[in-house]
Amino acid sequence: MIDVPTERFEALVADALDEIPEELGRLMDNVVVQVREASPSGLLGLYQGVPLTEREAYGGLAMPDRITVYRRSICQRCRTEAEVVEEVRVTVVHEVAHHFGIDDHRLDELGWA
């Protein structure tokens, strides 16, 4: 396990978000990304909300979606900061994909599960 300080971890999450292609980033709507210490269930990340593909069923209105990235859960799986960087990147892409309506089965097929 490596302990990446919270401020550094938050910067890694911001970097991972910056790596999302601009054309997709512009389509992200009504979503908040946050870092929390640990998931009680051991999750690395969590998407909560209404995917963009389902928003019309809500008349286009929905509460802000939330993507949470769990610092301690990721650090516990990694031995180096480079591993943390990669795990943060994969986790952010995975959770952003849920915002776009891509389910876990498809993410697994694409290698992002």
PDB file of N, CA and C in Angstrom:
ATOM      1  N   MET A   1       0.841  -1.183   0.000  1.00  0.00           N
ATOM      2  CA  MET A   1       0.000   0.000   0.000  1.00  0.00           C
ATOM      3  C   MET A   1       0.881   1.240   0.000  1.00  0.00           C
ATOM      4  N   ILE A   2       0.425   2.252  -0.728  1.00  0.00           N
ATOM      5  CA  ILE A   2       1.084   3.549  -0.722  1.00  0.00           C
ATOM      6  C   ILE A   2       0.069   4.573  -0.235  1.00  0.00           C
ATOM      7  N   ASP A   3       0.530   5.549   0.502  1.00  0.00           N
ATOM      8  CA  ASP A   3      -0.368   6.588   0.999  1.00  0.00           C
ATOM      9  C   ASP A   3      -0.087   7.881   0.239  1.00  0.00           C
ATOM     10  N   VAL A   4      -0.888   8.147  -0.774  1.00  0.00           N
ATOM     11  CA  VAL A   4      -0.775   9.392  -1.528  1.00  0.00           C
ATOM     12  C   VAL A   4      -1.584  10.444  -0.777  1.00  0.00           C
ATOM     13  N   PRO A   5      -0.971  11.571  -0.406  1.00  0.00           N
ATOM     14  CA  PRO A   5      -1.697  12.605   0.337  1.00  0.00           C
ATOM     15  C   PRO A   5      -2.941  13.086  -0.424  1.00  0.00           C
ATOM     16  N   THR A   6      -3.940  13.505   0.318  1.00  0.00           N
ATOM     17  CA  THR A   6      -5.221  13.898  -0.258  1.00  0.00           C
ATOM     18  C   THR A   6      -5.065  14.955  -1.354  1.00  0.00           C
ATOM     19  N   GLU A   7      -4.289  15.993  -1.107  1.00  0.00           N
ATOM     20  CA  GLU A   7      -4.132  17.052  -2.115  1.00  0.00           C
ATOM     21  C   GLU A   7      -3.527  16.498  -3.405  1.00  0.00           C
ATOM     22  N   ARG A   8      -2.545  15.639  -3.295  1.00  0.00           N
ATOM     23  CA  ARG A   8      -1.922  15.035  -4.476  1.00  0.00           C
ATOM     24  C   ARG A   8      -2.917  14.125  -5.187  1.00  0.00           C
ATOM     25  N   PHE A   9      -3.683  13.364  -4.415  1.00  0.00           N
ATOM     26  CA  PHE A   9      -4.677  12.468  -4.993  1.00  0.00           C
ATOM     27  C   PHE A   9      -5.736  13.261  -5.758  1.00  0.00           C
ATOM     28  N   GLU A  10      -6.194  14.358  -5.165  1.00  0.00           N
ATOM     29  CA  GLU A  10      -7.173  15.213  -5.845  1.00  0.00           C
ATOM     30  C   GLU A  10      -6.613  15.745  -7.160  1.00  0.00           C
ATOM     31  N   ALA A  11      -5.327  16.076  -7.167  1.00  0.00           N
ATOM     32  CA  ALA A  11      -4.681  16.539  -8.398  1.00  0.00           C
ATOM     33  C   ALA A  11      -4.650  15.418  -9.442  1.00  0.00           C
ATOM     34  N   LEU A  12      -4.441  14.173  -9.005  1.00  0.00           N
ATOM     35  CA  LEU A  12      -4.449  13.045  -9.933  1.00  0.00           C
ATOM     36  C   LEU A  12      -5.835  12.846 -10.544  1.00  0.00           C
ATOM     37  N   VAL A  13      -6.865  13.033  -9.743  1.00  0.00           N
ATOM     38  CA  VAL A  13      -8.237  12.930 -10.259  1.00  0.00           C
ATOM     39  C   VAL A  13      -8.483  14.042 -11.280  1.00  0.00           C
ATOM     40  N   ALA A  14      -8.046  15.255 -10.967  1.00  0.00           N
ATOM     41  CA  ALA A  14      -8.197  16.370 -11.907  1.00  0.00           C
ATOM     42  C   ALA A  14      -7.441  16.093 -13.203  1.00  0.00           C
ATOM     43  N   ASP A  15      -6.241  15.543 -13.088  1.00  0.00           N
ATOM     44  CA  ASP A  15      -5.458  15.190 -14.284  1.00  0.00           C
ATOM     45  C   ASP A  15      -6.196  14.149 -15.130  1.00  0.00           C
ATOM     46  N   ALA A  16      -6.790  13.153 -14.469  1.00  0.00           N
ATOM     47  CA  ALA A  16      -7.526  12.107 -15.194  1.00  0.00           C
ATOM     48  C   ALA A  16      -8.727  12.706 -15.914  1.00  0.00           C
ATOM     49  N   LEU A  17      -9.399  13.648 -15.278  1.00  0.00           N
ATOM     50  CA  LEU A  17     -10.527  14.318 -15.936  1.00  0.00           C
ATOM     51  C   LEU A  17     -10.049  15.133 -17.129  1.00  0.00           C
ATOM     52  N   ASP A  18      -8.895  15.757 -16.987  1.00  0.00           N
ATOM     53  CA  ASP A  18      -8.336  16.548 -18.097  1.00  0.00           C
ATOM     54  C   ASP A  18      -7.978  15.679 -19.294  1.00  0.00           C
ATOM     55  N   GLU A  19      -7.733  14.391 -19.065  1.00  0.00           N
ATOM     56  CA  GLU A  19      -7.388  13.474 -20.152  1.00  0.00           C
ATOM     57  C   GLU A  19      -8.594  13.023 -20.965  1.00  0.00           C
ATOM     58  N   ILE A  20      -9.792  13.287 -20.455  1.00  0.00           N
ATOM     59  CA  ILE A  20     -10.996  12.925 -21.211  1.00  0.00           C
ATOM     60  C   ILE A  20     -11.034  13.801 -22.454  1.00  0.00           C
ATOM     61  N   PRO A  21     -11.231  13.199 -23.615  1.00  0.00           N
ATOM     62  CA  PRO A  21     -11.260  13.997 -24.840  1.00  0.00           C
ATOM     63  C   PRO A  21     -12.239  15.173 -24.729  1.00  0.00           C
ATOM     64  N   GLU A  22     -11.809  16.308 -25.240  1.00  0.00           N
ATOM     65  CA  GLU A  22     -12.589  17.540 -25.110  1.00  0.00           C
ATOM     66  C   GLU A  22     -14.020  17.381 -25.623  1.00  0.00           C
ATOM     67  N   GLU A  23     -14.183  16.657 -26.733  1.00  0.00           N
ATOM     68  CA  GLU A  23     -15.527  16.500 -27.291  1.00  0.00           C
ATOM     69  C   GLU A  23     -16.449  15.733 -26.352  1.00  0.00           C
ATOM     70  N   LEU A  24     -15.901  14.829 -25.539  1.00  0.00           N
ATOM     71  CA  LEU A  24     -16.706  14.133 -24.529  1.00  0.00           C
ATOM     72  C   LEU A  24     -16.884  14.992 -23.290  1.00  0.00           C
ATOM     73  N   GLY A  25     -15.814  15.657 -22.883  1.00  0.00           N
ATOM     74  CA  GLY A  25     -15.883  16.520 -21.706  1.00  0.00           C
ATOM     75  C   GLY A  25     -16.963  17.579 -21.841  1.00  0.00           C
ATOM     76  N   ARG A  26     -17.136  18.109 -23.041  1.00  0.00           N
ATOM     77  CA  ARG A  26     -18.172  19.128 -23.266  1.00  0.00           C
ATOM     78  C   ARG A  26     -19.568  18.559 -23.100  1.00  0.00           C
ATOM     79  N   LEU A  27     -19.714  17.249 -23.303  1.00  0.00           N
ATOM     80  CA  LEU A  27     -21.017  16.606 -23.185  1.00  0.00           C
ATOM     81  C   LEU A  27     -21.372  16.236 -21.741  1.00  0.00           C
ATOM     82  N   MET A  28     -20.369  16.231 -20.874  1.00  0.00           N
ATOM     83  CA  MET A  28     -20.656  15.940 -19.468  1.00  0.00           C
ATOM     84  C   MET A  28     -21.536  17.057 -18.925  1.00  0.00           C
ATOM     85  N   ASP A  29     -22.653  16.666 -18.330  1.00  0.00           N
ATOM     86  CA  ASP A  29     -23.631  17.656 -17.918  1.00  0.00           C
ATOM     87  C   ASP A  29     -24.126  17.366 -16.510  1.00  0.00           C
ATOM     88  N   ASN A  30     -24.106  18.388 -15.683  1.00  0.00           N
ATOM     89  CA  ASN A  30     -24.717  18.302 -14.368  1.00  0.00           C
ATOM     90  C   ASN A  30     -24.093  17.190 -13.526  1.00  0.00           C
ATOM     91  N   VAL A  31     -22.759  17.171 -13.461  1.00  0.00           N
ATOM     92  CA  VAL A  31     -22.060  16.128 -12.721  1.00  0.00           C
ATOM     93  C   VAL A  31     -20.970  16.745 -11.843  1.00  0.00           C
ATOM     94  N   VAL A  32     -20.875  16.258 -10.627  1.00  0.00           N
ATOM     95  CA  VAL A  32     -19.867  16.697  -9.670  1.00  0.00           C
ATOM     96  C   VAL A  32     -18.915  15.527  -9.435  1.00  0.00           C
ATOM     97  N   VAL A  33     -17.623  15.803  -9.446  1.00  0.00           N
ATOM     98  CA  VAL A  33     -16.625  14.767  -9.159  1.00  0.00           C
ATOM     99  C   VAL A  33     -15.990  15.114  -7.824  1.00  0.00           C
ATOM    100  N   GLN A  34     -15.951  14.146  -6.923  1.00  0.00           N
ATOM    101  CA  GLN A  34     -15.409  14.379  -5.591  1.00  0.00           C
ATOM    102  C   GLN A  34     -14.511  13.234  -5.163  1.00  0.00           C
ATOM    103  N   VAL A  35     -13.626  13.542  -4.234  1.00  0.00           N
ATOM    104  CA  VAL A  35     -12.749  12.534  -3.632  1.00  0.00           C
ATOM    105  C   VAL A  35     -13.207  12.340  -2.194  1.00  0.00           C
ATOM    106  N   ARG A  36     -13.348  11.094  -1.809  1.00  0.00           N
ATOM    107  CA  ARG A  36     -13.660  10.737  -0.429  1.00  0.00           C
ATOM    108  C   ARG A  36     -12.583   9.772   0.042  1.00  0.00           C
ATOM    109  N   GLU A  37     -12.467   9.625   1.342  1.00  0.00           N
ATOM    110  CA  GLU A  37     -11.403   8.799   1.909  1.00  0.00           C
ATOM    111  C   GLU A  37     -11.538   7.333   1.557  1.00  0.00           C
ATOM    112  N   ALA A  38     -12.676   6.722   1.882  1.00  0.00           N
ATOM    113  CA  ALA A  38     -12.799   5.281   1.640  1.00  0.00           C
ATOM    114  C   ALA A  38     -14.255   4.915   1.444  1.00  0.00           C
ATOM    115  N   SER A  39     -14.446   3.890   0.679  1.00  0.00           N
ATOM    116  CA  SER A  39     -15.777   3.330   0.475  1.00  0.00           C
ATOM    117  C   SER A  39     -15.996   2.247   1.521  1.00  0.00           C
ATOM    118  N   PRO A  40     -17.157   2.254   2.170  1.00  0.00           N
ATOM    119  CA  PRO A  40     -17.415   1.194   3.146  1.00  0.00           C
ATOM    120  C   PRO A  40     -17.466  -0.187   2.497  1.00  0.00           C
ATOM    121  N   SER A  41     -17.723  -0.228   1.208  1.00  0.00           N
ATOM    122  CA  SER A  41     -17.821  -1.516   0.519  1.00  0.00           C
ATOM    123  C   SER A  41     -16.567  -1.852  -0.285  1.00  0.00           C
ATOM    124  N   GLY A  42     -15.532  -1.015  -0.176  1.00  0.00           N
ATOM    125  CA  GLY A  42     -14.290  -1.286  -0.876  1.00  0.00           C
ATOM    126  C   GLY A  42     -14.264  -0.846  -2.331  1.00  0.00           C
ATOM    127  N   LEU A  43     -15.304  -0.145  -2.772  1.00  0.00           N
ATOM    128  CA  LEU A  43     -15.321   0.353  -4.144  1.00  0.00           C
ATOM    129  C   LEU A  43     -14.192   1.348  -4.378  1.00  0.00           C
ATOM    130  N   LEU A  44     -13.713   1.409  -5.611  1.00  0.00           N
ATOM    131  CA  LEU A  44     -12.692   2.398  -5.976  1.00  0.00           C
ATOM    132  C   LEU A  44     -13.351   3.701  -6.408  1.00  0.00           C
ATOM    133  N   GLY A  45     -14.525   3.587  -6.990  1.00  0.00           N
ATOM    134  CA  GLY A  45     -15.271   4.745  -7.434  1.00  0.00           C
ATOM    135  C   GLY A  45     -16.745   4.409  -7.468  1.00  0.00           C
ATOM    136  N   LEU A  46     -17.571   5.449  -7.535  1.00  0.00           N
ATOM    137  CA  LEU A  46     -19.017   5.241  -7.539  1.00  0.00           C
ATOM    138  C   LEU A  46     -19.678   6.343  -8.346  1.00  0.00           C
ATOM    139  N   TYR A  47     -20.554   5.948  -9.250  1.00  0.00           N
ATOM    140  CA  TYR A  47     -21.376   6.894  -9.995  1.00  0.00           C
ATOM    141  C   TYR A  47     -22.774   6.845  -9.416  1.00  0.00           C
ATOM    142  N   GLN A  48     -23.319   8.018  -9.094  1.00  0.00           N
ATOM    143  CA  GLN A  48     -24.684   8.111  -8.604  1.00  0.00           C
ATOM    144  C   GLN A  48     -25.386   9.177  -9.431  1.00  0.00           C
ATOM    145  N   GLY A  49     -26.483   8.803 -10.043  1.00  0.00           N
ATOM    146  CA  GLY A  49     -27.222   9.771 -10.824  1.00  0.00           C
ATOM    147  C   GLY A  49     -28.046   9.122 -11.908  1.00  0.00           C
ATOM    148  N   VAL A  50     -28.452   9.965 -12.846  1.00  0.00           N
ATOM    149  CA  VAL A  50     -29.237   9.534 -13.989  1.00  0.00           C
ATOM    150  C   VAL A  50     -28.354   9.684 -15.222  1.00  0.00           C
ATOM    151  N   PRO A  51     -27.981   8.567 -15.854  1.00  0.00           N
ATOM    152  CA  PRO A  51     -27.117   8.660 -17.032  1.00  0.00           C
ATOM    153  C   PRO A  51     -27.734   9.558 -18.106  1.00  0.00           C
ATOM    154  N   LEU A  52     -26.892  10.182 -18.897  1.00  0.00           N
ATOM    155  CA  LEU A  52     -27.366  11.081 -19.947  1.00  0.00           C
ATOM    156  C   LEU A  52     -28.348  10.374 -20.881  1.00  0.00           C
ATOM    157  N   THR A  53     -28.149   9.088 -21.103  1.00  0.00           N
ATOM    158  CA  THR A  53     -29.012   8.330 -22.006  1.00  0.00           C
ATOM    159  C   THR A  53     -30.420   8.140 -21.453  1.00  0.00           C
ATOM    160  N   GLU A  54     -30.626   8.410 -20.162  1.00  0.00           N
ATOM    161  CA  GLU A  54     -31.938   8.214 -19.538  1.00  0.00           C
ATOM    162  C   GLU A  54     -32.580   9.517 -19.077  1.00  0.00           C
ATOM    163  N   ARG A  55     -31.941  10.637 -19.309  1.00  0.00           N
ATOM    164  CA  ARG A  55     -32.444  11.899 -18.765  1.00  0.00           C
ATOM    165  C   ARG A  55     -33.768  12.345 -19.364  1.00  0.00           C
ATOM    166  N   GLU A  56     -34.031  11.987 -20.604  1.00  0.00           N
ATOM    167  CA  GLU A  56     -35.291  12.425 -21.214  1.00  0.00           C
ATOM    168  C   GLU A  56     -36.484  11.859 -20.466  1.00  0.00           C
ATOM    169  N   ALA A  57     -36.336  10.700 -19.854  1.00  0.00           N
ATOM    170  CA  ALA A  57     -37.423  10.111 -19.070  1.00  0.00           C
ATOM    171  C   ALA A  57     -37.752  10.977 -17.863  1.00  0.00           C
ATOM    172  N   TYR A  58     -36.829  11.856 -17.487  1.00  0.00           N
ATOM    173  CA  TYR A  58     -37.031  12.762 -16.355  1.00  0.00           C
ATOM    174  C   TYR A  58     -37.348  14.176 -16.838  1.00  0.00           C
ATOM    175  N   GLY A  59     -37.760  14.284 -18.089  1.00  0.00           N
ATOM    176  CA  GLY A  59     -38.035  15.604 -18.646  1.00  0.00           C
ATOM    177  C   GLY A  59     -36.768  16.419 -18.806  1.00  0.00           C
ATOM    178  N   GLY A  60     -35.623  15.737 -18.844  1.00  0.00           N
ATOM    179  CA  GLY A  60     -34.340  16.423 -18.993  1.00  0.00           C
ATOM    180  C   GLY A  60     -33.814  16.995 -17.691  1.00  0.00           C
ATOM    181  N   LEU A  61     -34.622  16.933 -16.642  1.00  0.00           N
ATOM    182  CA  LEU A  61     -34.204  17.499 -15.352  1.00  0.00           C
ATOM    183  C   LEU A  61     -33.806  16.378 -14.399  1.00  0.00           C
ATOM    184  N   ALA A  62     -32.731  16.585 -13.710  1.00  0.00           N
ATOM    185  CA  ALA A  62     -32.275  15.609 -12.722  1.00  0.00           C
ATOM    186  C   ALA A  62     -31.372  16.328 -11.729  1.00  0.00           C
ATOM    187  N   MET A  63     -31.272  15.756 -10.556  1.00  0.00           N
ATOM    188  CA  MET A  63     -30.324  16.279  -9.575  1.00  0.00           C
ATOM    189  C   MET A  63     -28.923  16.111 -10.155  1.00  0.00           C
ATOM    190  N   PRO A  64     -27.970  16.872  -9.666  1.00  0.00           N
ATOM    191  CA  PRO A  64     -26.604  16.684 -10.186  1.00  0.00           C
ATOM    192  C   PRO A  64     -26.132  15.248  -9.958  1.00  0.00           C
ATOM    193  N   ASP A  65     -25.528  14.674 -10.984  1.00  0.00           N
ATOM    194  CA  ASP A  65     -24.892  13.373 -10.842  1.00  0.00           C
ATOM    195  C   ASP A  65     -23.655  13.549  -9.972  1.00  0.00           C
ATOM    196  N   ARG A  66     -23.246  12.448  -9.357  1.00  0.00           N
ATOM    197  CA  ARG A  66     -22.061  12.509  -8.507  1.00  0.00           C
ATOM    198  C   ARG A  66     -21.151  11.339  -8.834  1.00  0.00           C
ATOM    199  N   ILE A  67     -19.891  11.662  -9.079  1.00  0.00           N
ATOM    200  CA  ILE A  67     -18.851  10.654  -9.233  1.00  0.00           C
ATOM    201  C   ILE A  67     -17.929  10.801  -8.035  1.00  0.00           C
ATOM    202  N   THR A  68     -17.780   9.719  -7.288  1.00  0.00           N
ATOM    203  CA  THR A  68     -16.914   9.723  -6.124  1.00  0.00           C
ATOM    204  C   THR A  68     -15.742   8.785  -6.392  1.00  0.00           C
ATOM    205  N   VAL A  69     -14.545   9.264  -6.113  1.00  0.00           N
ATOM    206  CA  VAL A  69     -13.333   8.465  -6.233  1.00  0.00           C
ATOM    207  C   VAL A  69     -12.780   8.303  -4.822  1.00  0.00           C
ATOM    208  N   TYR A  70     -12.533   7.059  -4.419  1.00  0.00           N
ATOM    209  CA  TYR A  70     -12.147   6.754  -3.043  1.00  0.00           C
ATOM    210  C   TYR A  70     -10.629   6.614  -2.916  1.00  0.00           C
ATOM    211  N   ARG A  71     -10.025   7.576  -2.234  1.00  0.00           N
ATOM    212  CA  ARG A  71      -8.573   7.653  -2.109  1.00  0.00           C
ATOM    213  C   ARG A  71      -7.974   6.423  -1.434  1.00  0.00           C
ATOM    214  N   ARG A  72      -8.424   6.119  -0.260  1.00  0.00           N
ATOM    215  CA  ARG A  72      -7.821   5.023   0.506  1.00  0.00           C
ATOM    216  C   ARG A  72      -8.035   3.683  -0.194  1.00  0.00           C
ATOM    217  N   SER A  73      -9.207   3.489  -0.776  1.00  0.00           N
ATOM    218  CA  SER A  73      -9.494   2.227  -1.472  1.00  0.00           C
ATOM    219  C   SER A  73      -8.520   2.010  -2.631  1.00  0.00           C
ATOM    220  N   ILE A  74      -8.213   3.084  -3.360  1.00  0.00           N
ATOM    221  CA  ILE A  74      -7.266   2.969  -4.469  1.00  0.00           C
ATOM    222  C   ILE A  74      -5.848   2.791  -3.935  1.00  0.00           C
ATOM    223  N   CYS A  75      -5.467   3.578  -2.959  1.00  0.00           N
ATOM    224  CA  CYS A  75      -4.100   3.468  -2.422  1.00  0.00           C
ATOM    225  C   CYS A  75      -3.818   2.084  -1.851  1.00  0.00           C
ATOM    226  N   GLN A  76      -4.817   1.453  -1.259  1.00  0.00           N
ATOM    227  CA  GLN A  76      -4.624   0.116  -0.688  1.00  0.00           C
ATOM    228  C   GLN A  76      -4.316  -0.924  -1.751  1.00  0.00           C
ATOM    229  N   ARG A  77      -4.718  -0.683  -2.985  1.00  0.00           N
ATOM    230  CA  ARG A  77      -4.475  -1.644  -4.070  1.00  0.00           C
ATOM    231  C   ARG A  77      -3.139  -1.433  -4.763  1.00  0.00           C
ATOM    232  N   CYS A  78      -2.470  -0.332  -4.434  1.00  0.00           N
ATOM    233  CA  CYS A  78      -1.275   0.055  -5.185  1.00  0.00           C
ATOM    234  C   CYS A  78      -0.027   0.055  -4.304  1.00  0.00           C
ATOM    235  N   ARG A  79       1.115  -0.149  -4.957  1.00  0.00           N
ATOM    236  CA  ARG A  79       2.394  -0.106  -4.238  1.00  0.00           C
ATOM    237  C   ARG A  79       3.225   1.106  -4.600  1.00  0.00           C
ATOM    238  N   THR A  80       2.932   1.728  -5.740  1.00  0.00           N
ATOM    239  CA  THR A  80       3.700   2.891  -6.180  1.00  0.00           C
ATOM    240  C   THR A  80       2.747   3.995  -6.603  1.00  0.00           C
ATOM    241  N   GLU A  81       3.281   5.206  -6.658  1.00  0.00           N
ATOM    242  CA  GLU A  81       2.444   6.316  -7.116  1.00  0.00           C
ATOM    243  C   GLU A  81       2.050   6.131  -8.570  1.00  0.00           C
ATOM    244  N   ALA A  82       2.920   5.528  -9.368  1.00  0.00           N
ATOM    245  CA  ALA A  82       2.582   5.271 -10.772  1.00  0.00           C
ATOM    246  C   ALA A  82       1.356   4.354 -10.871  1.00  0.00           C
ATOM    247  N   GLU A  83       1.275   3.367  -9.993  1.00  0.00           N
ATOM    248  CA  GLU A  83       0.103   2.490  -9.981  1.00  0.00           C
ATOM    249  C   GLU A  83      -1.144   3.271  -9.571  1.00  0.00           C
ATOM    250  N   VAL A  84      -1.004   4.184  -8.622  1.00  0.00           N
ATOM    251  CA  VAL A  84      -2.134   5.022  -8.198  1.00  0.00           C
ATOM    252  C   VAL A  84      -2.601   5.883  -9.366  1.00  0.00           C
ATOM    253  N   VAL A  85      -1.666   6.485 -10.086  1.00  0.00           N
ATOM    254  CA  VAL A  85      -2.013   7.320 -11.241  1.00  0.00           C
ATOM    255  C   VAL A  85      -2.851   6.509 -12.229  1.00  0.00           C
ATOM    256  N   GLU A  86      -2.409   5.298 -12.543  1.00  0.00           N
ATOM    257  CA  GLU A  86      -3.125   4.452 -13.500  1.00  0.00           C
ATOM    258  C   GLU A  86      -4.489   4.031 -12.956  1.00  0.00           C
ATOM    259  N   GLU A  87      -4.554   3.657 -11.695  1.00  0.00           N
ATOM    260  CA  GLU A  87      -5.830   3.219 -11.108  1.00  0.00           C
ATOM    261  C   GLU A  87      -6.821   4.374 -11.041  1.00  0.00           C
ATOM    262  N   VAL A  88      -6.344   5.575 -10.734  1.00  0.00           N
ATOM    263  CA  VAL A  88      -7.217   6.754 -10.731  1.00  0.00           C
ATOM    264  C   VAL A  88      -7.753   6.992 -12.143  1.00  0.00           C
ATOM    265  N   ARG A  89      -6.880   6.898 -13.138  1.00  0.00           N
ATOM    266  CA  ARG A  89      -7.296   7.120 -14.525  1.00  0.00           C
ATOM    267  C   ARG A  89      -8.379   6.119 -14.929  1.00  0.00           C
ATOM    268  N   VAL A  90      -8.158   4.853 -14.640  1.00  0.00           N
ATOM    269  CA  VAL A  90      -9.127   3.816 -14.992  1.00  0.00           C
ATOM    270  C   VAL A  90     -10.441   4.043 -14.249  1.00  0.00           C
ATOM    271  N   THR A  91     -10.360   4.375 -12.976  1.00  0.00           N
ATOM    272  CA  THR A  91     -11.562   4.595 -12.170  1.00  0.00           C
ATOM    273  C   THR A  91     -12.356   5.784 -12.691  1.00  0.00           C
ATOM    274  N   VAL A  92     -11.682   6.882 -12.993  1.00  0.00           N
ATOM    275  CA  VAL A  92     -12.374   8.068 -13.500  1.00  0.00           C
ATOM    276  C   VAL A  92     -13.045   7.754 -14.837  1.00  0.00           C
ATOM    277  N   VAL A  93     -12.336   7.114 -15.743  1.00  0.00           N
ATOM    278  CA  VAL A  93     -12.929   6.761 -17.043  1.00  0.00           C
ATOM    279  C   VAL A  93     -14.141   5.846 -16.832  1.00  0.00           C
ATOM    280  N   HIS A  94     -14.019   4.871 -15.950  1.00  0.00           N
ATOM    281  CA  HIS A  94     -15.103   3.936 -15.664  1.00  0.00           C
ATOM    282  C   HIS A  94     -16.351   4.672 -15.175  1.00  0.00           C
ATOM    283  N   GLU A  95     -16.172   5.555 -14.214  1.00  0.00           N
ATOM    284  CA  GLU A  95     -17.329   6.255 -13.634  1.00  0.00           C
ATOM    285  C   GLU A  95     -17.911   7.285 -14.612  1.00  0.00           C
ATOM    286  N   VAL A  96     -17.071   7.958 -15.377  1.00  0.00           N
ATOM    287  CA  VAL A  96     -17.560   8.889 -16.398  1.00  0.00           C
ATOM    288  C   VAL A  96     -18.362   8.115 -17.452  1.00  0.00           C
ATOM    289  N   ALA A  97     -17.903   6.920 -17.789  1.00  0.00           N
ATOM    290  CA  ALA A  97     -18.639   6.100 -18.747  1.00  0.00           C
ATOM    291  C   ALA A  97     -20.054   5.806 -18.244  1.00  0.00           C
ATOM    292  N   HIS A  98     -20.197   5.571 -16.946  1.00  0.00           N
ATOM    293  CA  HIS A  98     -21.540   5.364 -16.387  1.00  0.00           C
ATOM    294  C   HIS A  98     -22.389   6.618 -16.588  1.00  0.00           C
ATOM    295  N   HIS A  99     -21.810   7.793 -16.454  1.00  0.00           N
ATOM    296  CA  HIS A  99     -22.530   9.055 -16.691  1.00  0.00           C
ATOM    297  C   HIS A  99     -23.083   9.091 -18.117  1.00  0.00           C
ATOM    298  N   PHE A 100     -22.346   8.492 -19.052  1.00  0.00           N
ATOM    299  CA  PHE A 100     -22.776   8.445 -20.446  1.00  0.00           C
ATOM    300  C   PHE A 100     -23.672   7.243 -20.749  1.00  0.00           C
ATOM    301  N   GLY A 101     -23.988   6.450 -19.711  1.00  0.00           N
ATOM    302  CA  GLY A 101     -24.922   5.344 -19.890  1.00  0.00           C
ATOM    303  C   GLY A 101     -24.290   4.013 -20.256  1.00  0.00           C
ATOM    304  N   ILE A 102     -22.986   3.891 -20.116  1.00  0.00           N
ATOM    305  CA  ILE A 102     -22.303   2.634 -20.434  1.00  0.00           C
ATOM    306  C   ILE A 102     -22.283   1.766 -19.175  1.00  0.00           C
ATOM    307  N   ASP A 103     -22.804   0.540 -19.291  1.00  0.00           N
ATOM    308  CA  ASP A 103     -22.905  -0.328 -18.110  1.00  0.00           C
ATOM    309  C   ASP A 103     -21.623  -1.130 -17.879  1.00  0.00           C
ATOM    310  N   ASP A 104     -21.571  -1.796 -16.733  1.00  0.00           N
ATOM    311  CA  ASP A 104     -20.376  -2.551 -16.335  1.00  0.00           C
ATOM    312  C   ASP A 104     -20.038  -3.660 -17.330  1.00  0.00           C
ATOM    313  N   HIS A 105     -21.051  -4.314 -17.880  1.00  0.00           N
ATOM    314  CA  HIS A 105     -20.793  -5.386 -18.842  1.00  0.00           C
ATOM    315  C   HIS A 105     -20.037  -4.844 -20.055  1.00  0.00           C
ATOM    316  N   ARG A 106     -20.492  -3.729 -20.593  1.00  0.00           N
ATOM    317  CA  ARG A 106     -19.826  -3.138 -21.763  1.00  0.00           C
ATOM    318  C   ARG A 106     -18.438  -2.623 -21.390  1.00  0.00           C
ATOM    319  N   LEU A 107     -18.296  -2.037 -20.207  1.00  0.00           N
ATOM    320  CA  LEU A 107     -16.986  -1.569 -19.756  1.00  0.00           C
ATOM    321  C   LEU A 107     -16.007  -2.731 -19.643  1.00  0.00           C
ATOM    322  N   ASP A 108     -16.491  -3.873 -19.178  1.00  0.00           N
ATOM    323  CA  ASP A 108     -15.652  -5.065 -19.094  1.00  0.00           C
ATOM    324  C   ASP A 108     -15.201  -5.485 -20.497  1.00  0.00           C
ATOM    325  N   GLU A 109     -16.118  -5.468 -21.448  1.00  0.00           N
ATOM    326  CA  GLU A 109     -15.775  -5.807 -22.835  1.00  0.00           C
ATOM    327  C   GLU A 109     -14.702  -4.867 -23.393  1.00  0.00           C
ATOM    328  N   LEU A 110     -14.780  -3.603 -22.987  1.00  0.00           N
ATOM    329  CA  LEU A 110     -13.843  -2.596 -23.474  1.00  0.00           C
ATOM    330  C   LEU A 110     -12.533  -2.558 -22.689  1.00  0.00           C
ATOM    331  N   GLY A 111     -12.465  -3.335 -21.588  1.00  0.00           N
ATOM    332  CA  GLY A 111     -11.261  -3.362 -20.774  1.00  0.00           C
ATOM    333  C   GLY A 111     -11.171  -2.282 -19.725  1.00  0.00           C
ATOM    334  N   TRP A 112     -12.307  -1.682 -19.356  1.00  0.00           N
ATOM    335  CA  TRP A 112     -12.327  -0.602 -18.371  1.00  0.00           C
ATOM    336  C   TRP A 112     -13.059  -0.994 -17.097  1.00  0.00           C
ATOM    337  N   ALA A 113     -13.261  -2.267 -16.870  1.00  0.00           N
ATOM    338  CA  ALA A 113     -14.001  -2.697 -15.669  1.00  0.00           C
ATOM    339  C   ALA A 113     -13.096  -2.762 -14.470  1.00  0.00           C
TER     340      ALA A 113
END
